[in-house]
Amino acid sequence: MKIVIGGQVEKKEIEKLIKAYDASIETVVKSDLEAAMMMKQGQADYYFGACHTGGGGALAMAISLLGKANCHTISMPGKPPVREKVEKAVQDGGKAFGFTGDHKEKAVEYLLGTLKA
């Protein structure tokens, strides 16, 4: 599995969380545009991005290049990720996931738990 990390904040911290969860997952940290382009070109399996709202800077480029149906905001300010909603986003074919930087621990845990299941 290869995950590209884009968005606006917490990129290196997200990468560390992914590696702590499973060191065999390949990660690449890029700008939001570069990360979305990697996804569009099939160079990564999933996109994780964080920003202060969970959807703007985290997913704007991914939405424009991959389409809204492939992109899911899994947390927003005051609304932490919910495991069942993350599972549904993955089951619905989600490839790009946005969340707020302050929810990165649970977002990564729930996403990887679902993606690896």
PDB file of N, CA and C in Angstrom:
ATOM      1  N   MET A   1       0.845  -1.174   0.000  1.00  0.00           N
ATOM      2  CA  MET A   1       0.000   0.000   0.000  1.00  0.00           C
ATOM      3  C   MET A   1       0.891   1.238   0.000  1.00  0.00           C
ATOM      4  N   LYS A   2       0.536   2.203  -0.838  1.00  0.00           N
ATOM      5  CA  LYS A   2       1.275   3.464  -0.901  1.00  0.00           C
ATOM      6  C   LYS A   2       0.307   4.606  -0.630  1.00  0.00           C
ATOM      7  N   ILE A   3       0.658   5.429   0.353  1.00  0.00           N
ATOM      8  CA  ILE A   3      -0.170   6.567   0.736  1.00  0.00           C
ATOM      9  C   ILE A   3       0.612   7.841   0.489  1.00  0.00           C
ATOM     10  N   VAL A   4      -0.013   8.767  -0.242  1.00  0.00           N
ATOM     11  CA  VAL A   4       0.581  10.081  -0.449  1.00  0.00           C
ATOM     12  C   VAL A   4      -0.091  11.036   0.540  1.00  0.00           C
ATOM     13  N   ILE A   5       0.726  11.845   1.181  1.00  0.00           N
ATOM     14  CA  ILE A   5       0.238  12.762   2.208  1.00  0.00           C
ATOM     15  C   ILE A   5       0.332  14.168   1.666  1.00  0.00           C
ATOM     16  N   GLY A   6      -0.822  14.821   1.558  1.00  0.00           N
ATOM     17  CA  GLY A   6      -0.891  16.184   1.061  1.00  0.00           C
ATOM     18  C   GLY A   6      -1.503  17.094   2.101  1.00  0.00           C
ATOM     19  N   GLY A   7      -2.373  17.977   1.672  1.00  0.00           N
ATOM     20  CA  GLY A   7      -3.002  18.893   2.613  1.00  0.00           C
ATOM     21  C   GLY A   7      -2.093  20.048   2.978  1.00  0.00           C
ATOM     22  N   GLN A   8      -2.453  20.736   4.051  1.00  0.00           N
ATOM     23  CA  GLN A   8      -1.754  21.973   4.421  1.00  0.00           C
ATOM     24  C   GLN A   8      -0.993  21.889   5.739  1.00  0.00           C
ATOM     25  N   VAL A   9      -1.366  20.979   6.641  1.00  0.00           N
ATOM     26  CA  VAL A   9      -0.732  20.941   7.964  1.00  0.00           C
ATOM     27  C   VAL A   9      -0.424  19.512   8.380  1.00  0.00           C
ATOM     28  N   GLU A  10       0.503  19.380   9.320  1.00  0.00           N
ATOM     29  CA  GLU A  10       0.785  18.120  10.026  1.00  0.00           C
ATOM     30  C   GLU A  10       1.273  16.975   9.131  1.00  0.00           C
ATOM     31  N   LYS A  11       1.840  17.266   7.986  1.00  0.00           N
ATOM     32  CA  LYS A  11       2.213  16.204   7.038  1.00  0.00           C
ATOM     33  C   LYS A  11       3.224  15.215   7.621  1.00  0.00           C
ATOM     34  N   LYS A  12       4.290  15.726   8.193  1.00  0.00           N
ATOM     35  CA  LYS A  12       5.323  14.832   8.750  1.00  0.00           C
ATOM     36  C   LYS A  12       4.778  14.036   9.932  1.00  0.00           C
ATOM     37  N   GLU A  13       3.915  14.654  10.729  1.00  0.00           N
ATOM     38  CA  GLU A  13       3.316  13.962  11.866  1.00  0.00           C
ATOM     39  C   GLU A  13       2.387  12.837  11.396  1.00  0.00           C
ATOM     40  N   ILE A  14       1.649  13.093  10.318  1.00  0.00           N
ATOM     41  CA  ILE A  14       0.781  12.059   9.751  1.00  0.00           C
ATOM     42  C   ILE A  14       1.627  10.907   9.231  1.00  0.00           C
ATOM     43  N   GLU A  15       2.716  11.233   8.566  1.00  0.00           N
ATOM     44  CA  GLU A  15       3.605  10.187   8.077  1.00  0.00           C
ATOM     45  C   GLU A  15       4.132   9.333   9.242  1.00  0.00           C
ATOM     46  N   LYS A  16       4.525   9.959  10.328  1.00  0.00           N
ATOM     47  CA  LYS A  16       5.013   9.217  11.505  1.00  0.00           C
ATOM     48  C   LYS A  16       3.929   8.308  12.073  1.00  0.00           C
ATOM     49  N   LEU A  17       2.693   8.790  12.113  1.00  0.00           N
ATOM     50  CA  LEU A  17       1.587   7.969  12.610  1.00  0.00           C
ATOM     51  C   LEU A  17       1.356   6.754  11.725  1.00  0.00           C
ATOM     52  N   ILE A  18       1.424   6.945  10.416  1.00  0.00           N
ATOM     53  CA  ILE A  18       1.245   5.823   9.481  1.00  0.00           C
ATOM     54  C   ILE A  18       2.349   4.801   9.696  1.00  0.00           C
ATOM     55  N   LYS A  19       3.580   5.258   9.771  1.00  0.00           N
ATOM     56  CA  LYS A  19       4.725   4.349   9.955  1.00  0.00           C
ATOM     57  C   LYS A  19       4.655   3.637  11.302  1.00  0.00           C
ATOM     58  N   ALA A  20       4.167   4.312  12.342  1.00  0.00           N
ATOM     59  CA  ALA A  20       4.021   3.680  13.653  1.00  0.00           C
ATOM     60  C   ALA A  20       2.939   2.601  13.612  1.00  0.00           C
ATOM     61  N   TYR A  21       1.904   2.829  12.805  1.00  0.00           N
ATOM     62  CA  TYR A  21       0.823   1.850  12.674  1.00  0.00           C
ATOM     63  C   TYR A  21       1.304   0.624  11.912  1.00  0.00           C
ATOM     64  N   ASP A  22       2.028   0.858  10.802  1.00  0.00           N
ATOM     65  CA  ASP A  22       2.523  -0.241   9.971  1.00  0.00           C
ATOM     66  C   ASP A  22       3.703   0.265   9.142  1.00  0.00           C
ATOM     67  N   ALA A  23       4.889  -0.139   9.537  1.00  0.00           N
ATOM     68  CA  ALA A  23       6.110   0.343   8.881  1.00  0.00           C
ATOM     69  C   ALA A  23       6.228  -0.112   7.431  1.00  0.00           C
ATOM     70  N   SER A  24       5.438  -1.116   7.033  1.00  0.00           N
ATOM     71  CA  SER A  24       5.531  -1.605   5.656  1.00  0.00           C
ATOM     72  C   SER A  24       4.765  -0.734   4.662  1.00  0.00           C
ATOM     73  N   ILE A  25       3.950   0.184   5.140  1.00  0.00           N
ATOM     74  CA  ILE A  25       3.202   1.079   4.250  1.00  0.00           C
ATOM     75  C   ILE A  25       4.162   2.120   3.694  1.00  0.00           C
ATOM     76  N   GLU A  26       4.183   2.241   2.377  1.00  0.00           N
ATOM     77  CA  GLU A  26       5.029   3.242   1.729  1.00  0.00           C
ATOM     78  C   GLU A  26       4.324   4.588   1.802  1.00  0.00           C
ATOM     79  N   THR A  27       5.052   5.616   2.199  1.00  0.00           N
ATOM     80  CA  THR A  27       4.484   6.963   2.299  1.00  0.00           C
ATOM     81  C   THR A  27       5.332   7.954   1.520  1.00  0.00           C
ATOM     82  N   VAL A  28       4.659   8.984   1.017  1.00  0.00           N
ATOM     83  CA  VAL A  28       5.322  10.078   0.318  1.00  0.00           C
ATOM     84  C   VAL A  28       4.632  11.364   0.769  1.00  0.00           C
ATOM     85  N   VAL A  29       5.407  12.359   1.151  1.00  0.00           N
ATOM     86  CA  VAL A  29       4.872  13.659   1.547  1.00  0.00           C
ATOM     87  C   VAL A  29       5.059  14.627   0.383  1.00  0.00           C
ATOM     88  N   LYS A  30       3.957  15.260  -0.040  1.00  0.00           N
ATOM     89  CA  LYS A  30       3.985  16.188  -1.176  1.00  0.00           C
ATOM     90  C   LYS A  30       3.094  17.393  -0.883  1.00  0.00           C
ATOM     91  N   SER A  31       3.160  18.379  -1.744  1.00  0.00           N
ATOM     92  CA  SER A  31       2.194  19.474  -1.676  1.00  0.00           C
ATOM     93  C   SER A  31       0.832  18.902  -2.054  1.00  0.00           C
ATOM     94  N   ASP A  32      -0.222  19.631  -1.754  1.00  0.00           N
ATOM     95  CA  ASP A  32      -1.555  19.124  -2.081  1.00  0.00           C
ATOM     96  C   ASP A  32      -1.731  18.884  -3.573  1.00  0.00           C
ATOM     97  N   LEU A  33      -1.194  19.762  -4.404  1.00  0.00           N
ATOM     98  CA  LEU A  33      -1.305  19.588  -5.854  1.00  0.00           C
ATOM     99  C   LEU A  33      -0.500  18.375  -6.324  1.00  0.00           C
ATOM    100  N   GLU A  34       0.737  18.256  -5.869  1.00  0.00           N
ATOM    101  CA  GLU A  34       1.571  17.113  -6.267  1.00  0.00           C
ATOM    102  C   GLU A  34       0.953  15.796  -5.797  1.00  0.00           C
ATOM    103  N   ALA A  35       0.401  15.799  -4.598  1.00  0.00           N
ATOM    104  CA  ALA A  35      -0.209  14.584  -4.058  1.00  0.00           C
ATOM    105  C   ALA A  35      -1.428  14.173  -4.889  1.00  0.00           C
ATOM    106  N   ALA A  36      -2.261  15.141  -5.228  1.00  0.00           N
ATOM    107  CA  ALA A  36      -3.441  14.837  -6.041  1.00  0.00           C
ATOM    108  C   ALA A  36      -3.035  14.346  -7.431  1.00  0.00           C
ATOM    109  N   MET A  37      -1.988  14.939  -7.988  1.00  0.00           N
ATOM    110  CA  MET A  37      -1.497  14.495  -9.303  1.00  0.00           C
ATOM    111  C   MET A  37      -0.980  13.054  -9.227  1.00  0.00           C
ATOM    112  N   MET A  38      -0.287  12.713  -8.155  1.00  0.00           N
ATOM    113  CA  MET A  38       0.187  11.329  -7.992  1.00  0.00           C
ATOM    114  C   MET A  38      -1.002  10.363  -7.981  1.00  0.00           C
ATOM    115  N   MET A  39      -2.062  10.738  -7.287  1.00  0.00           N
ATOM    116  CA  MET A  39      -3.252   9.887  -7.251  1.00  0.00           C
ATOM    117  C   MET A  39      -3.863   9.760  -8.646  1.00  0.00           C
ATOM    118  N   LYS A  40      -4.006  10.873  -9.317  1.00  0.00           N
ATOM    119  CA  LYS A  40      -4.614  10.864 -10.662  1.00  0.00           C
ATOM    120  C   LYS A  40      -3.812   9.994 -11.625  1.00  0.00           C
ATOM    121  N   GLN A  41      -2.496   9.989 -11.483  1.00  0.00           N
ATOM    122  CA  GLN A  41      -1.623   9.220 -12.361  1.00  0.00           C
ATOM    123  C   GLN A  41      -1.427   7.782 -11.882  1.00  0.00           C
ATOM    124  N   GLY A  42      -2.115   7.390 -10.819  1.00  0.00           N
ATOM    125  CA  GLY A  42      -2.021   6.014 -10.328  1.00  0.00           C
ATOM    126  C   GLY A  42      -0.718   5.686  -9.625  1.00  0.00           C
ATOM    127  N   GLN A  43      -0.029   6.695  -9.112  1.00  0.00           N
ATOM    128  CA  GLN A  43       1.252   6.485  -8.452  1.00  0.00           C
ATOM    129  C   GLN A  43       1.119   6.269  -6.943  1.00  0.00           C
ATOM    130  N   ALA A  44      -0.091   6.317  -6.425  1.00  0.00           N
ATOM    131  CA  ALA A  44      -0.351   6.048  -5.006  1.00  0.00           C
ATOM    132  C   ALA A  44      -1.747   5.443  -4.893  1.00  0.00           C
ATOM    133  N   ASP A  45      -1.956   4.696  -3.823  1.00  0.00           N
ATOM    134  CA  ASP A  45      -3.254   4.049  -3.612  1.00  0.00           C
ATOM    135  C   ASP A  45      -4.251   4.956  -2.901  1.00  0.00           C
ATOM    136  N   TYR A  46      -3.749   5.744  -1.938  1.00  0.00           N
ATOM    137  CA  TYR A  46      -4.621   6.592  -1.135  1.00  0.00           C
ATOM    138  C   TYR A  46      -3.945   7.918  -0.848  1.00  0.00           C
ATOM    139  N   TYR A  47      -4.786   8.922  -0.579  1.00  0.00           N
ATOM    140  CA  TYR A  47      -4.345  10.273  -0.246  1.00  0.00           C
ATOM    141  C   TYR A  47      -4.881  10.606   1.130  1.00  0.00           C
ATOM    142  N   PHE A  48      -4.015  11.047   2.029  1.00  0.00           N
ATOM    143  CA  PHE A  48      -4.415  11.565   3.336  1.00  0.00           C
ATOM    144  C   PHE A  48      -3.991  13.028   3.363  1.00  0.00           C
ATOM    145  N   GLY A  49      -4.876  13.911   3.809  1.00  0.00           N
ATOM    146  CA  GLY A  49      -4.535  15.320   3.921  1.00  0.00           C
ATOM    147  C   GLY A  49      -5.206  15.953   5.111  1.00  0.00           C
ATOM    148  N   ALA A  50      -4.513  16.891   5.739  1.00  0.00           N
ATOM    149  CA  ALA A  50      -5.079  17.607   6.877  1.00  0.00           C
ATOM    150  C   ALA A  50      -5.013  19.104   6.645  1.00  0.00           C
ATOM    151  N   CYS A  51      -5.984  19.789   7.208  1.00  0.00           N
ATOM    152  CA  CYS A  51      -6.001  21.244   7.223  1.00  0.00           C
ATOM    153  C   CYS A  51      -6.793  21.660   8.456  1.00  0.00           C
ATOM    154  N   HIS A  52      -7.128  22.915   8.562  1.00  0.00           N
ATOM    155  CA  HIS A  52      -7.830  23.385   9.756  1.00  0.00           C
ATOM    156  C   HIS A  52      -9.334  23.141   9.693  1.00  0.00           C
ATOM    157  N   THR A  53      -9.872  22.820   8.510  1.00  0.00           N
ATOM    158  CA  THR A  53     -11.314  22.564   8.390  1.00  0.00           C
ATOM    159  C   THR A  53     -11.628  21.113   8.037  1.00  0.00           C
ATOM    160  N   GLY A  54     -10.642  20.368   7.573  1.00  0.00           N
ATOM    161  CA  GLY A  54     -10.853  18.977   7.193  1.00  0.00           C
ATOM    162  C   GLY A  54     -11.240  18.779   5.736  1.00  0.00           C
ATOM    163  N   GLY A  55     -11.617  19.842   5.056  1.00  0.00           N
ATOM    164  CA  GLY A  55     -12.051  19.683   3.681  1.00  0.00           C
ATOM    165  C   GLY A  55     -11.456  20.679   2.707  1.00  0.00           C
ATOM    166  N   GLY A  56     -11.154  21.872   3.149  1.00  0.00           N
ATOM    167  CA  GLY A  56     -10.633  22.911   2.259  1.00  0.00           C
ATOM    168  C   GLY A  56      -9.241  22.597   1.764  1.00  0.00           C
ATOM    169  N   GLY A  57      -8.242  23.026   2.503  1.00  0.00           N
ATOM    170  CA  GLY A  57      -6.855  22.800   2.112  1.00  0.00           C
ATOM    171  C   GLY A  57      -6.459  21.338   2.109  1.00  0.00           C
ATOM    172  N   ALA A  58      -7.198  20.519   2.844  1.00  0.00           N
ATOM    173  CA  ALA A  58      -6.895  19.086   2.871  1.00  0.00           C
ATOM    174  C   ALA A  58      -7.276  18.409   1.567  1.00  0.00           C
ATOM    175  N   LEU A  59      -8.400  18.801   0.980  1.00  0.00           N
ATOM    176  CA  LEU A  59      -8.955  18.052  -0.152  1.00  0.00           C
ATOM    177  C   LEU A  59      -9.233  18.844  -1.420  1.00  0.00           C
ATOM    178  N   ALA A  60      -9.046  20.136  -1.428  1.00  0.00           N
ATOM    179  CA  ALA A  60      -9.455  20.940  -2.588  1.00  0.00           C
ATOM    180  C   ALA A  60      -8.845  20.442  -3.891  1.00  0.00           C
ATOM    181  N   MET A  61      -7.560  20.231  -3.926  1.00  0.00           N
ATOM    182  CA  MET A  61      -6.902  19.757  -5.150  1.00  0.00           C
ATOM    183  C   MET A  61      -7.331  18.330  -5.487  1.00  0.00           C
ATOM    184  N   ALA A  62      -7.477  17.487  -4.482  1.00  0.00           N
ATOM    185  CA  ALA A  62      -7.910  16.111  -4.727  1.00  0.00           C
ATOM    186  C   ALA A  62      -9.312  16.099  -5.324  1.00  0.00           C
ATOM    187  N   ILE A  63     -10.197  16.921  -4.791  1.00  0.00           N
ATOM    188  CA  ILE A  63     -11.565  16.980  -5.321  1.00  0.00           C
ATOM    189  C   ILE A  63     -11.548  17.431  -6.776  1.00  0.00           C
ATOM    190  N   SER A  64     -10.744  18.442  -7.083  1.00  0.00           N
ATOM    191  CA  SER A  64     -10.744  18.953  -8.461  1.00  0.00           C
ATOM    192  C   SER A  64     -10.138  17.960  -9.443  1.00  0.00           C
ATOM    193  N   LEU A  65      -9.169  17.162  -9.009  1.00  0.00           N
ATOM    194  CA  LEU A  65      -8.523  16.233  -9.932  1.00  0.00           C
ATOM    195  C   LEU A  65      -9.104  14.822  -9.909  1.00  0.00           C
ATOM    196  N   LEU A  66      -9.642  14.407  -8.765  1.00  0.00           N
ATOM    197  CA  LEU A  66     -10.142  13.029  -8.640  1.00  0.00           C
ATOM    198  C   LEU A  66     -11.659  12.934  -8.639  1.00  0.00           C
ATOM    199  N   GLY A  67     -12.328  14.062  -8.426  1.00  0.00           N
ATOM    200  CA  GLY A  67     -13.783  14.070  -8.350  1.00  0.00           C
ATOM    201  C   GLY A  67     -14.267  13.907  -6.921  1.00  0.00           C
ATOM    202  N   LYS A  68     -15.354  14.553  -6.609  1.00  0.00           N
ATOM    203  CA  LYS A  68     -15.916  14.560  -5.248  1.00  0.00           C
ATOM    204  C   LYS A  68     -16.231  13.156  -4.743  1.00  0.00           C
ATOM    205  N   ALA A  69     -16.682  12.281  -5.609  1.00  0.00           N
ATOM    206  CA  ALA A  69     -17.076  10.928  -5.181  1.00  0.00           C
ATOM    207  C   ALA A  69     -15.908  10.138  -4.592  1.00  0.00           C
ATOM    208  N   ASN A  70     -14.699  10.469  -4.971  1.00  0.00           N
ATOM    209  CA  ASN A  70     -13.520   9.758  -4.473  1.00  0.00           C
ATOM    210  C   ASN A  70     -12.924  10.386  -3.225  1.00  0.00           C
ATOM    211  N   CYS A  71     -13.473  11.512  -2.779  1.00  0.00           N
ATOM    212  CA  CYS A  71     -12.900  12.284  -1.685  1.00  0.00           C
ATOM    213  C   CYS A  71     -13.880  12.416  -0.531  1.00  0.00           C
ATOM    214  N   HIS A  72     -13.388  12.233   0.673  1.00  0.00           N
ATOM    215  CA  HIS A  72     -14.254  12.272   1.850  1.00  0.00           C
ATOM    216  C   HIS A  72     -13.601  13.042   2.984  1.00  0.00           C
ATOM    217  N   THR A  73     -14.354  13.960   3.562  1.00  0.00           N
ATOM    218  CA  THR A  73     -13.925  14.644   4.781  1.00  0.00           C
ATOM    219  C   THR A  73     -14.358  13.763   5.945  1.00  0.00           C
ATOM    220  N   ILE A  74     -13.393  13.309   6.746  1.00  0.00           N
ATOM    221  CA  ILE A  74     -13.746  12.398   7.839  1.00  0.00           C
ATOM    222  C   ILE A  74     -13.700  13.057   9.212  1.00  0.00           C
ATOM    223  N   SER A  75     -13.250  14.312   9.271  1.00  0.00           N
ATOM    224  CA  SER A  75     -13.386  15.078  10.507  1.00  0.00           C
ATOM    225  C   SER A  75     -13.374  16.557  10.173  1.00  0.00           C
ATOM    226  N   MET A  76     -14.028  17.324  11.068  1.00  0.00           N
ATOM    227  CA  MET A  76     -14.090  18.777  10.929  1.00  0.00           C
ATOM    228  C   MET A  76     -13.915  19.356  12.332  1.00  0.00           C
ATOM    229  N   PRO A  77     -13.699  20.657  12.448  1.00  0.00           N
ATOM    230  CA  PRO A  77     -13.559  21.240  13.781  1.00  0.00           C
ATOM    231  C   PRO A  77     -14.758  20.885  14.674  1.00  0.00           C
ATOM    232  N   GLY A  78     -14.473  20.336  15.825  1.00  0.00           N
ATOM    233  CA  GLY A  78     -15.526  19.954  16.762  1.00  0.00           C
ATOM    234  C   GLY A  78     -16.221  18.649  16.436  1.00  0.00           C
ATOM    235  N   LYS A  79     -15.865  18.014  15.314  1.00  0.00           N
ATOM    236  CA  LYS A  79     -16.482  16.748  14.911  1.00  0.00           C
ATOM    237  C   LYS A  79     -15.384  15.738  14.600  1.00  0.00           C
ATOM    238  N   PRO A  80     -14.908  15.018  15.616  1.00  0.00           N
ATOM    239  CA  PRO A  80     -13.831  14.045  15.380  1.00  0.00           C
ATOM    240  C   PRO A  80     -14.299  12.896  14.494  1.00  0.00           C
ATOM    241  N   PRO A  81     -13.359  12.147  13.956  1.00  0.00           N
ATOM    242  CA  PRO A  81     -13.737  11.023  13.095  1.00  0.00           C
ATOM    243  C   PRO A  81     -14.547   9.976  13.872  1.00  0.00           C
ATOM    244  N   VAL A  82     -15.479   9.372  13.171  1.00  0.00           N
ATOM    245  CA  VAL A  82     -16.304   8.293  13.728  1.00  0.00           C
ATOM    246  C   VAL A  82     -15.972   7.041  12.917  1.00  0.00           C
ATOM    247  N   ARG A  83     -15.597   5.983  13.607  1.00  0.00           N
ATOM    248  CA  ARG A  83     -15.138   4.762  12.932  1.00  0.00           C
ATOM    249  C   ARG A  83     -16.124   4.283  11.863  1.00  0.00           C
ATOM    250  N   GLU A  84     -17.403   4.267  12.168  1.00  0.00           N
ATOM    251  CA  GLU A  84     -18.396   3.772  11.210  1.00  0.00           C
ATOM    252  C   GLU A  84     -18.472   4.648   9.955  1.00  0.00           C
ATOM    253  N   LYS A  85     -18.319   5.950  10.122  1.00  0.00           N
ATOM    254  CA  LYS A  85     -18.348   6.852   8.971  1.00  0.00           C
ATOM    255  C   LYS A  85     -17.093   6.695   8.115  1.00  0.00           C
ATOM    256  N   VAL A  86     -15.959   6.442   8.765  1.00  0.00           N
ATOM    257  CA  VAL A  86     -14.720   6.192   8.025  1.00  0.00           C
ATOM    258  C   VAL A  86     -14.857   4.896   7.234  1.00  0.00           C
ATOM    259  N   GLU A  87     -15.391   3.865   7.870  1.00  0.00           N
ATOM    260  CA  GLU A  87     -15.602   2.586   7.182  1.00  0.00           C
ATOM    261  C   GLU A  87     -16.509   2.765   5.979  1.00  0.00           C
ATOM    262  N   LYS A  88     -17.571   3.546   6.129  1.00  0.00           N
ATOM    263  CA  LYS A  88     -18.495   3.781   5.009  1.00  0.00           C
ATOM    264  C   LYS A  88     -17.806   4.547   3.884  1.00  0.00           C
ATOM    265  N   ALA A  89     -16.987   5.540   4.215  1.00  0.00           N
ATOM    266  CA  ALA A  89     -16.270   6.308   3.196  1.00  0.00           C
ATOM    267  C   ALA A  89     -15.360   5.392   2.376  1.00  0.00           C
ATOM    268  N   VAL A  90     -14.697   4.459   3.037  1.00  0.00           N
ATOM    269  CA  VAL A  90     -13.833   3.509   2.331  1.00  0.00           C
ATOM    270  C   VAL A  90     -14.678   2.550   1.495  1.00  0.00           C
ATOM    271  N   GLN A  91     -15.757   2.031   2.074  1.00  0.00           N
ATOM    272  CA  GLN A  91     -16.639   1.108   1.348  1.00  0.00           C
ATOM    273  C   GLN A  91     -17.270   1.773   0.131  1.00  0.00           C
ATOM    274  N   ASP A  92     -17.495   3.084   0.222  1.00  0.00           N
ATOM    275  CA  ASP A  92     -18.085   3.831  -0.898  1.00  0.00           C
ATOM    276  C   ASP A  92     -17.064   4.147  -1.987  1.00  0.00           C
ATOM    277  N   GLY A  93     -15.851   3.633  -1.844  1.00  0.00           N
ATOM    278  CA  GLY A  93     -14.838   3.816  -2.876  1.00  0.00           C
ATOM    279  C   GLY A  93     -13.902   4.988  -2.660  1.00  0.00           C
ATOM    280  N   GLY A  94     -13.912   5.558  -1.470  1.00  0.00           N
ATOM    281  CA  GLY A  94     -13.048   6.691  -1.181  1.00  0.00           C
ATOM    282  C   GLY A  94     -11.576   6.376  -1.391  1.00  0.00           C
ATOM    283  N   LYS A  95     -10.865   7.314  -1.980  1.00  0.00           N
ATOM    284  CA  LYS A  95      -9.427   7.189  -2.212  1.00  0.00           C
ATOM    285  C   LYS A  95      -8.654   8.331  -1.563  1.00  0.00           C
ATOM    286  N   ALA A  96      -9.328   9.459  -1.329  1.00  0.00           N
ATOM    287  CA  ALA A  96      -8.688  10.628  -0.725  1.00  0.00           C
ATOM    288  C   ALA A  96      -9.490  11.031   0.510  1.00  0.00           C
ATOM    289  N   PHE A  97      -8.777  11.268   1.601  1.00  0.00           N
ATOM    290  CA  PHE A  97      -9.433  11.515   2.879  1.00  0.00           C
ATOM    291  C   PHE A  97      -8.845  12.756   3.534  1.00  0.00           C
ATOM    292  N   GLY A  98      -9.731  13.657   3.952  1.00  0.00           N
ATOM    293  CA  GLY A  98      -9.309  14.872   4.621  1.00  0.00           C
ATOM    294  C   GLY A  98      -9.796  14.889   6.054  1.00  0.00           C
ATOM    295  N   PHE A  99      -9.001  15.505   6.908  1.00  0.00           N
ATOM    296  CA  PHE A  99      -9.354  15.609   8.326  1.00  0.00           C
ATOM    297  C   PHE A  99      -8.620  16.800   8.920  1.00  0.00           C
ATOM    298  N   THR A 100      -9.026  17.199  10.115  1.00  0.00           N
ATOM    299  CA  THR A 100      -8.343  18.307  10.773  1.00  0.00           C
ATOM    300  C   THR A 100      -7.075  17.795  11.446  1.00  0.00           C
ATOM    301  N   GLY A 101      -6.094  18.671  11.522  1.00  0.00           N
ATOM    302  CA  GLY A 101      -4.822  18.282  12.104  1.00  0.00           C
ATOM    303  C   GLY A 101      -4.939  17.795  13.539  1.00  0.00           C
ATOM    304  N   ASP A 102      -5.863  18.364  14.299  1.00  0.00           N
ATOM    305  CA  ASP A 102      -5.992  17.945  15.694  1.00  0.00           C
ATOM    306  C   ASP A 102      -6.653  16.576  15.851  1.00  0.00           C
ATOM    307  N   HIS A 103      -7.181  16.021  14.783  1.00  0.00           N
ATOM    308  CA  HIS A 103      -7.790  14.685  14.818  1.00  0.00           C
ATOM    309  C   HIS A 103      -6.922  13.643  14.121  1.00  0.00           C
ATOM    310  N   LYS A 104      -5.695  13.973  13.831  1.00  0.00           N
ATOM    311  CA  LYS A 104      -4.852  13.099  13.005  1.00  0.00           C
ATOM    312  C   LYS A 104      -4.668  11.705  13.595  1.00  0.00           C
ATOM    313  N   GLU A 105      -4.532  11.589  14.903  1.00  0.00           N
ATOM    314  CA  GLU A 105      -4.289  10.268  15.497  1.00  0.00           C
ATOM    315  C   GLU A 105      -5.439   9.305  15.212  1.00  0.00           C
ATOM    316  N   LYS A 106      -6.657   9.730  15.550  1.00  0.00           N
ATOM    317  CA  LYS A 106      -7.825   8.866  15.330  1.00  0.00           C
ATOM    318  C   LYS A 106      -8.113   8.692  13.842  1.00  0.00           C
ATOM    319  N   ALA A 107      -7.937   9.742  13.061  1.00  0.00           N
ATOM    320  CA  ALA A 107      -8.187   9.640  11.619  1.00  0.00           C
ATOM    321  C   ALA A 107      -7.292   8.583  10.997  1.00  0.00           C
ATOM    322  N   VAL A 108      -6.007   8.635  11.296  1.00  0.00           N
ATOM    323  CA  VAL A 108      -5.068   7.654  10.738  1.00  0.00           C
ATOM    324  C   VAL A 108      -5.388   6.256  11.262  1.00  0.00           C
ATOM    325  N   GLU A 109      -5.654   6.141  12.551  1.00  0.00           N
ATOM    326  CA  GLU A 109      -5.991   4.836  13.135  1.00  0.00           C
ATOM    327  C   GLU A 109      -7.220   4.219  12.454  1.00  0.00           C
ATOM    328  N   TYR A 110      -8.283   4.989  12.333  1.00  0.00           N
ATOM    329  CA  TYR A 110      -9.517   4.453  11.735  1.00  0.00           C
ATOM    330  C   TYR A 110      -9.338   4.162  10.242  1.00  0.00           C
ATOM    331  N   LEU A 111      -8.667   5.052   9.530  1.00  0.00           N
ATOM    332  CA  LEU A 111      -8.446   4.821   8.099  1.00  0.00           C
ATOM    333  C   LEU A 111      -7.618   3.571   7.859  1.00  0.00           C
ATOM    334  N   LEU A 112      -6.486   3.464   8.531  1.00  0.00           N
ATOM    335  CA  LEU A 112      -5.633   2.305   8.300  1.00  0.00           C
ATOM    336  C   LEU A 112      -6.279   1.016   8.780  1.00  0.00           C
ATOM    337  N   GLY A 113      -6.990   1.066   9.881  1.00  0.00           N
ATOM    338  CA  GLY A 113      -7.707  -0.118  10.345  1.00  0.00           C
ATOM    339  C   GLY A 113      -8.709  -0.614   9.314  1.00  0.00           C
ATOM    340  N   THR A 114      -9.387   0.315   8.679  1.00  0.00           N
ATOM    341  CA  THR A 114     -10.372  -0.042   7.655  1.00  0.00           C
ATOM    342  C   THR A 114      -9.709  -0.463   6.348  1.00  0.00           C
ATOM    343  N   LEU A 115      -8.710   0.273   5.912  1.00  0.00           N
ATOM    344  CA  LEU A 115      -8.047  -0.025   4.645  1.00  0.00           C
ATOM    345  C   LEU A 115      -7.305  -1.376   4.694  1.00  0.00           C
ATOM    346  N   LYS A 116      -6.790  -1.733   5.844  1.00  0.00           N
ATOM    347  CA  LYS A 116      -6.040  -2.981   5.963  1.00  0.00           C
ATOM    348  C   LYS A 116      -6.932  -4.184   6.254  1.00  0.00           C
ATOM    349  N   ALA A 117      -8.206  -3.931   6.560  1.00  0.00           N
ATOM    350  CA  ALA A 117      -9.130  -5.039   6.889  1.00  0.00           C
ATOM    351  C   ALA A 117      -9.507  -5.827   5.639  1.00  0.00           C
TER     352      ALA A 117
END
